[in-house]
Amino acid sequence: MLITGINGAFKGYWYEEGYIRTTSFEYSVKNCRDNLVHLTNDAIQKHNEDYGRFEKGNKLSYQDFQRYLDQNHRGLDFLGGILPKMKRICTDAMRASYFLLDP
C-alpha cells in the first residue's frame, strides 16, 4: 500500500498486480532467530545459496499463489477472500496511525 498525505488529506493506493515474497526455507517456529525463515526481504534472502529454491527470486504473483492454493489448499481464494482482508487490515492500520504520519 502506498500512502500519500497532502494538506492533511490522506489516501492509500493498492496496486492490483502485486506479488508475494517468499523465503528459501519452509516456515518453522522452532528457531525464531533464523532470519532466512522469518524475513522475506530480498536484502536478507538474496545472500543465501538457496535463494530462489522454491520460486524464481523468491516471489509469487497473485495468480501463481492462487494456483498453489488450488493445488495444495483447495477452497482458499486469495483474490476474492484473502486479499480483500489484507486491504482492510492495511486501511485500518492507516486510519489508526495517520495522525502520527503527518503531524
N, C-alpha and C. Protein backbone atom coordinates (compact mmCIF):
# COMPACT_ATOMS: atom_id res chain seq x y z
N MET A 1 0.85 -1.16 0.00
CA MET A 1 0.00 0.00 0.00
C MET A 1 0.90 1.23 0.00
N LEU A 2 0.58 2.17 -0.85
CA LEU A 2 1.25 3.46 -0.88
C LEU A 2 0.32 4.46 -0.20
N ILE A 3 0.86 5.22 0.73
CA ILE A 3 0.07 6.21 1.45
C ILE A 3 0.60 7.59 1.10
N THR A 4 -0.30 8.49 0.73
CA THR A 4 0.08 9.88 0.48
C THR A 4 -0.68 10.77 1.45
N GLY A 5 -0.07 11.88 1.78
CA GLY A 5 -0.72 12.85 2.63
C GLY A 5 -0.42 14.26 2.13
N ILE A 6 -1.46 14.96 1.67
CA ILE A 6 -1.30 16.32 1.17
C ILE A 6 -2.28 17.21 1.91
N ASN A 7 -1.74 18.19 2.63
CA ASN A 7 -2.56 19.13 3.39
C ASN A 7 -3.56 18.42 4.29
N GLY A 8 -3.12 17.36 4.93
CA GLY A 8 -3.97 16.64 5.88
C GLY A 8 -4.92 15.65 5.25
N ALA A 9 -4.94 15.56 3.91
CA ALA A 9 -5.81 14.59 3.23
C ALA A 9 -4.98 13.36 2.89
N PHE A 10 -5.32 12.24 3.50
CA PHE A 10 -4.56 11.01 3.30
C PHE A 10 -5.30 10.08 2.36
N LYS A 11 -4.51 9.44 1.50
CA LYS A 11 -5.06 8.45 0.59
C LYS A 11 -4.14 7.24 0.57
N GLY A 12 -4.75 6.08 0.43
CA GLY A 12 -3.99 4.85 0.30
C GLY A 12 -4.25 4.24 -1.06
N TYR A 13 -3.19 3.74 -1.68
CA TYR A 13 -3.29 3.13 -3.00
C TYR A 13 -2.73 1.72 -2.94
N TRP A 14 -3.42 0.82 -3.58
CA TRP A 14 -3.02 -0.58 -3.60
C TRP A 14 -2.91 -1.00 -5.06
N TYR A 15 -1.72 -1.36 -5.49
CA TYR A 15 -1.52 -1.79 -6.87
C TYR A 15 -2.10 -3.18 -7.03
N GLU A 16 -2.97 -3.35 -8.00
CA GLU A 16 -3.72 -4.61 -8.13
C GLU A 16 -2.86 -5.81 -8.52
N GLU A 17 -1.82 -5.63 -9.30
CA GLU A 17 -1.00 -6.75 -9.74
C GLU A 17 0.25 -6.86 -8.87
N GLY A 18 0.08 -7.37 -7.69
CA GLY A 18 1.18 -7.47 -6.76
C GLY A 18 1.85 -8.84 -6.78
N TYR A 19 2.71 -9.02 -5.83
CA TYR A 19 3.37 -10.31 -5.67
C TYR A 19 3.59 -10.58 -4.19
N ILE A 20 3.85 -11.82 -3.90
CA ILE A 20 4.07 -12.26 -2.54
C ILE A 20 5.53 -12.68 -2.42
N ARG A 21 6.22 -12.16 -1.42
CA ARG A 21 7.60 -12.56 -1.18
C ARG A 21 7.62 -13.84 -0.36
N THR A 22 8.56 -14.70 -0.70
CA THR A 22 8.68 -15.98 0.00
C THR A 22 10.09 -16.12 0.56
N THR A 23 10.31 -17.17 1.31
CA THR A 23 11.64 -17.43 1.86
C THR A 23 12.25 -18.65 1.16
N SER A 24 13.50 -18.88 1.45
CA SER A 24 14.21 -20.02 0.85
C SER A 24 14.03 -21.30 1.65
N PHE A 25 13.32 -21.21 2.76
CA PHE A 25 13.13 -22.36 3.64
C PHE A 25 11.68 -22.44 4.08
N GLU A 26 11.25 -23.65 4.44
CA GLU A 26 9.90 -23.80 4.97
C GLU A 26 9.79 -23.10 6.32
N TYR A 27 8.65 -22.51 6.57
CA TYR A 27 8.40 -21.80 7.82
C TYR A 27 8.43 -22.77 8.99
N SER A 28 9.02 -22.31 10.09
CA SER A 28 9.07 -23.11 11.31
C SER A 28 9.15 -22.17 12.51
N VAL A 29 8.49 -22.53 13.59
CA VAL A 29 8.58 -21.75 14.82
C VAL A 29 9.68 -22.27 15.73
N LYS A 30 10.39 -23.30 15.30
CA LYS A 30 11.42 -23.90 16.14
C LYS A 30 12.61 -22.98 16.37
N ASN A 31 12.94 -22.15 15.40
CA ASN A 31 14.05 -21.22 15.57
C ASN A 31 13.61 -19.84 15.09
N CYS A 32 13.09 -19.07 16.02
CA CYS A 32 12.57 -17.74 15.68
C CYS A 32 13.67 -16.74 15.36
N ARG A 33 14.90 -17.08 15.60
CA ARG A 33 16.01 -16.17 15.31
C ARG A 33 16.59 -16.36 13.90
N ASP A 34 16.11 -17.35 13.18
CA ASP A 34 16.62 -17.61 11.84
C ASP A 34 15.96 -16.67 10.84
N ASN A 35 16.68 -15.62 10.46
CA ASN A 35 16.14 -14.61 9.55
C ASN A 35 15.75 -15.18 8.19
N LEU A 36 16.42 -16.22 7.75
CA LEU A 36 16.12 -16.78 6.44
C LEU A 36 14.79 -17.51 6.40
N VAL A 37 14.26 -17.85 7.56
CA VAL A 37 12.95 -18.49 7.63
C VAL A 37 11.86 -17.46 7.84
N HIS A 38 12.15 -16.39 8.56
CA HIS A 38 11.12 -15.47 9.00
C HIS A 38 11.07 -14.14 8.26
N LEU A 39 12.13 -13.75 7.58
CA LEU A 39 12.14 -12.47 6.87
C LEU A 39 12.18 -12.71 5.37
N THR A 40 11.24 -12.11 4.65
CA THR A 40 11.17 -12.33 3.21
C THR A 40 11.85 -11.23 2.41
N ASN A 41 12.44 -10.27 3.07
CA ASN A 41 13.09 -9.15 2.40
C ASN A 41 14.22 -9.65 1.50
N ASP A 42 14.29 -9.12 0.28
CA ASP A 42 15.35 -9.51 -0.65
C ASP A 42 16.74 -9.22 -0.10
N ALA A 43 16.87 -8.17 0.68
CA ALA A 43 18.18 -7.82 1.25
C ALA A 43 18.71 -8.94 2.14
N ILE A 44 17.82 -9.70 2.74
CA ILE A 44 18.20 -10.84 3.58
C ILE A 44 18.33 -12.10 2.73
N GLN A 45 17.32 -12.38 1.93
CA GLN A 45 17.23 -13.64 1.20
C GLN A 45 18.28 -13.81 0.10
N LYS A 46 18.62 -12.73 -0.60
CA LYS A 46 19.47 -12.87 -1.78
C LYS A 46 20.90 -13.33 -1.49
N HIS A 47 21.31 -13.28 -0.25
CA HIS A 47 22.66 -13.70 0.11
C HIS A 47 22.76 -15.20 0.45
N ASN A 48 21.63 -15.89 0.41
CA ASN A 48 21.61 -17.31 0.74
C ASN A 48 21.76 -18.15 -0.53
N GLU A 49 22.50 -19.22 -0.44
CA GLU A 49 22.72 -20.08 -1.61
C GLU A 49 21.44 -20.74 -2.10
N ASP A 50 20.41 -20.82 -1.25
CA ASP A 50 19.13 -21.42 -1.64
C ASP A 50 18.12 -20.39 -2.16
N TYR A 51 18.58 -19.15 -2.37
CA TYR A 51 17.70 -18.09 -2.88
C TYR A 51 17.06 -18.57 -4.19
N GLY A 52 15.76 -18.49 -4.29
CA GLY A 52 15.05 -18.93 -5.48
C GLY A 52 14.79 -20.43 -5.52
N ARG A 53 15.00 -21.10 -4.40
CA ARG A 53 14.84 -22.56 -4.33
C ARG A 53 13.43 -23.01 -4.70
N PHE A 54 12.44 -22.28 -4.23
CA PHE A 54 11.04 -22.65 -4.50
C PHE A 54 10.44 -21.84 -5.65
N GLU A 55 10.74 -20.55 -5.71
CA GLU A 55 10.23 -19.66 -6.75
C GLU A 55 11.36 -18.77 -7.23
N LYS A 56 11.34 -18.41 -8.48
CA LYS A 56 12.35 -17.52 -9.03
C LYS A 56 12.31 -16.20 -8.25
N GLY A 57 13.47 -15.81 -7.74
CA GLY A 57 13.54 -14.56 -6.98
C GLY A 57 12.75 -14.53 -5.71
N ASN A 58 12.34 -15.70 -5.23
CA ASN A 58 11.54 -15.79 -4.00
C ASN A 58 10.29 -14.92 -4.07
N LYS A 59 9.64 -14.92 -5.23
CA LYS A 59 8.42 -14.14 -5.39
C LYS A 59 7.38 -14.95 -6.15
N LEU A 60 6.11 -14.76 -5.77
CA LEU A 60 4.98 -15.37 -6.47
C LEU A 60 4.00 -14.28 -6.84
N SER A 61 3.54 -14.28 -8.09
CA SER A 61 2.46 -13.36 -8.45
C SER A 61 1.20 -13.81 -7.72
N TYR A 62 0.22 -12.93 -7.65
CA TYR A 62 -1.03 -13.31 -7.01
C TYR A 62 -1.65 -14.52 -7.71
N GLN A 63 -1.57 -14.53 -9.04
CA GLN A 63 -2.14 -15.65 -9.80
C GLN A 63 -1.39 -16.95 -9.52
N ASP A 64 -0.05 -16.88 -9.46
CA ASP A 64 0.73 -18.08 -9.15
C ASP A 64 0.42 -18.58 -7.74
N PHE A 65 0.23 -17.66 -6.81
CA PHE A 65 -0.11 -18.05 -5.45
C PHE A 65 -1.48 -18.73 -5.42
N GLN A 66 -2.43 -18.20 -6.21
CA GLN A 66 -3.75 -18.84 -6.27
C GLN A 66 -3.64 -20.24 -6.84
N ARG A 67 -2.80 -20.44 -7.85
CA ARG A 67 -2.61 -21.78 -8.41
C ARG A 67 -2.04 -22.73 -7.34
N TYR A 68 -1.09 -22.21 -6.54
CA TYR A 68 -0.53 -23.01 -5.44
C TYR A 68 -1.65 -23.40 -4.46
N LEU A 69 -2.49 -22.42 -4.09
CA LEU A 69 -3.59 -22.71 -3.16
C LEU A 69 -4.55 -23.73 -3.76
N ASP A 70 -4.85 -23.59 -5.05
CA ASP A 70 -5.76 -24.52 -5.71
C ASP A 70 -5.23 -25.95 -5.67
N GLN A 71 -3.93 -26.11 -5.79
CA GLN A 71 -3.32 -27.44 -5.79
C GLN A 71 -3.13 -28.01 -4.40
N ASN A 72 -2.87 -27.13 -3.41
CA ASN A 72 -2.47 -27.60 -2.09
C ASN A 72 -3.45 -27.29 -0.96
N HIS A 73 -4.32 -26.33 -1.16
CA HIS A 73 -5.25 -25.91 -0.10
C HIS A 73 -6.58 -25.53 -0.75
N ARG A 74 -7.24 -26.52 -1.28
CA ARG A 74 -8.49 -26.27 -2.00
C ARG A 74 -9.48 -25.48 -1.15
N GLY A 75 -10.16 -24.57 -1.81
CA GLY A 75 -11.18 -23.78 -1.12
C GLY A 75 -10.69 -22.42 -0.66
N LEU A 76 -9.38 -22.19 -0.66
CA LEU A 76 -8.87 -20.87 -0.27
C LEU A 76 -8.80 -19.99 -1.52
N ASP A 77 -9.40 -18.82 -1.42
CA ASP A 77 -9.47 -17.88 -2.54
C ASP A 77 -8.66 -16.65 -2.19
N PHE A 78 -7.49 -16.51 -2.80
CA PHE A 78 -6.63 -15.38 -2.48
C PHE A 78 -7.24 -14.07 -2.96
N LEU A 79 -7.57 -13.98 -4.24
CA LEU A 79 -8.05 -12.72 -4.80
C LEU A 79 -9.41 -12.30 -4.24
N GLY A 80 -10.29 -13.27 -4.02
CA GLY A 80 -11.63 -12.93 -3.55
C GLY A 80 -11.81 -12.95 -2.05
N GLY A 81 -10.91 -13.63 -1.33
CA GLY A 81 -11.08 -13.76 0.11
C GLY A 81 -9.94 -13.17 0.94
N ILE A 82 -8.73 -13.59 0.65
CA ILE A 82 -7.58 -13.17 1.46
C ILE A 82 -7.16 -11.74 1.16
N LEU A 83 -7.01 -11.39 -0.13
CA LEU A 83 -6.55 -10.05 -0.50
C LEU A 83 -7.47 -8.94 0.02
N PRO A 84 -8.79 -9.06 -0.10
CA PRO A 84 -9.66 -8.02 0.48
C PRO A 84 -9.46 -7.84 1.98
N LYS A 85 -9.19 -8.93 2.68
CA LYS A 85 -8.94 -8.83 4.13
C LYS A 85 -7.62 -8.12 4.39
N MET A 86 -6.61 -8.40 3.56
CA MET A 86 -5.33 -7.70 3.70
C MET A 86 -5.52 -6.19 3.49
N LYS A 87 -6.33 -5.83 2.50
CA LYS A 87 -6.60 -4.42 2.23
C LYS A 87 -7.31 -3.75 3.41
N ARG A 88 -8.27 -4.46 4.00
CA ARG A 88 -8.98 -3.91 5.16
C ARG A 88 -8.04 -3.71 6.34
N ILE A 89 -7.14 -4.66 6.57
CA ILE A 89 -6.17 -4.53 7.66
C ILE A 89 -5.27 -3.33 7.42
N CYS A 90 -4.79 -3.16 6.20
CA CYS A 90 -3.94 -2.01 5.89
C CYS A 90 -4.70 -0.70 6.03
N THR A 91 -5.95 -0.68 5.61
CA THR A 91 -6.78 0.52 5.76
C THR A 91 -6.97 0.84 7.24
N ASP A 92 -7.25 -0.16 8.05
CA ASP A 92 -7.40 0.05 9.50
C ASP A 92 -6.10 0.57 10.11
N ALA A 93 -4.96 0.01 9.68
CA ALA A 93 -3.67 0.47 10.21
C ALA A 93 -3.41 1.91 9.81
N MET A 94 -3.75 2.26 8.58
CA MET A 94 -3.57 3.64 8.13
C MET A 94 -4.46 4.59 8.93
N ARG A 95 -5.71 4.23 9.11
CA ARG A 95 -6.63 5.08 9.87
C ARG A 95 -6.19 5.22 11.33
N ALA A 96 -5.63 4.16 11.89
CA ALA A 96 -5.21 4.19 13.29
C ALA A 96 -3.96 5.04 13.49
N SER A 97 -3.19 5.24 12.43
CA SER A 97 -1.90 5.92 12.61
C SER A 97 -1.73 7.19 11.77
N TYR A 98 -2.72 7.60 11.03
CA TYR A 98 -2.48 8.72 10.11
C TYR A 98 -2.17 10.02 10.82
N PHE A 99 -2.62 10.22 12.05
CA PHE A 99 -2.27 11.43 12.79
C PHE A 99 -0.77 11.43 13.12
N LEU A 100 -0.18 10.25 13.24
CA LEU A 100 1.25 10.14 13.53
C LEU A 100 2.09 10.26 12.27
N LEU A 101 1.51 9.99 11.11
CA LEU A 101 2.25 10.03 9.85
C LEU A 101 2.64 11.44 9.44
N ASP A 102 1.72 12.38 9.63
CA ASP A 102 1.97 13.77 9.21
C ASP A 102 1.41 14.72 10.26
N PRO A 103 2.15 14.86 11.37
CA PRO A 103 1.63 15.70 12.45
C PRO A 103 1.65 17.16 12.03
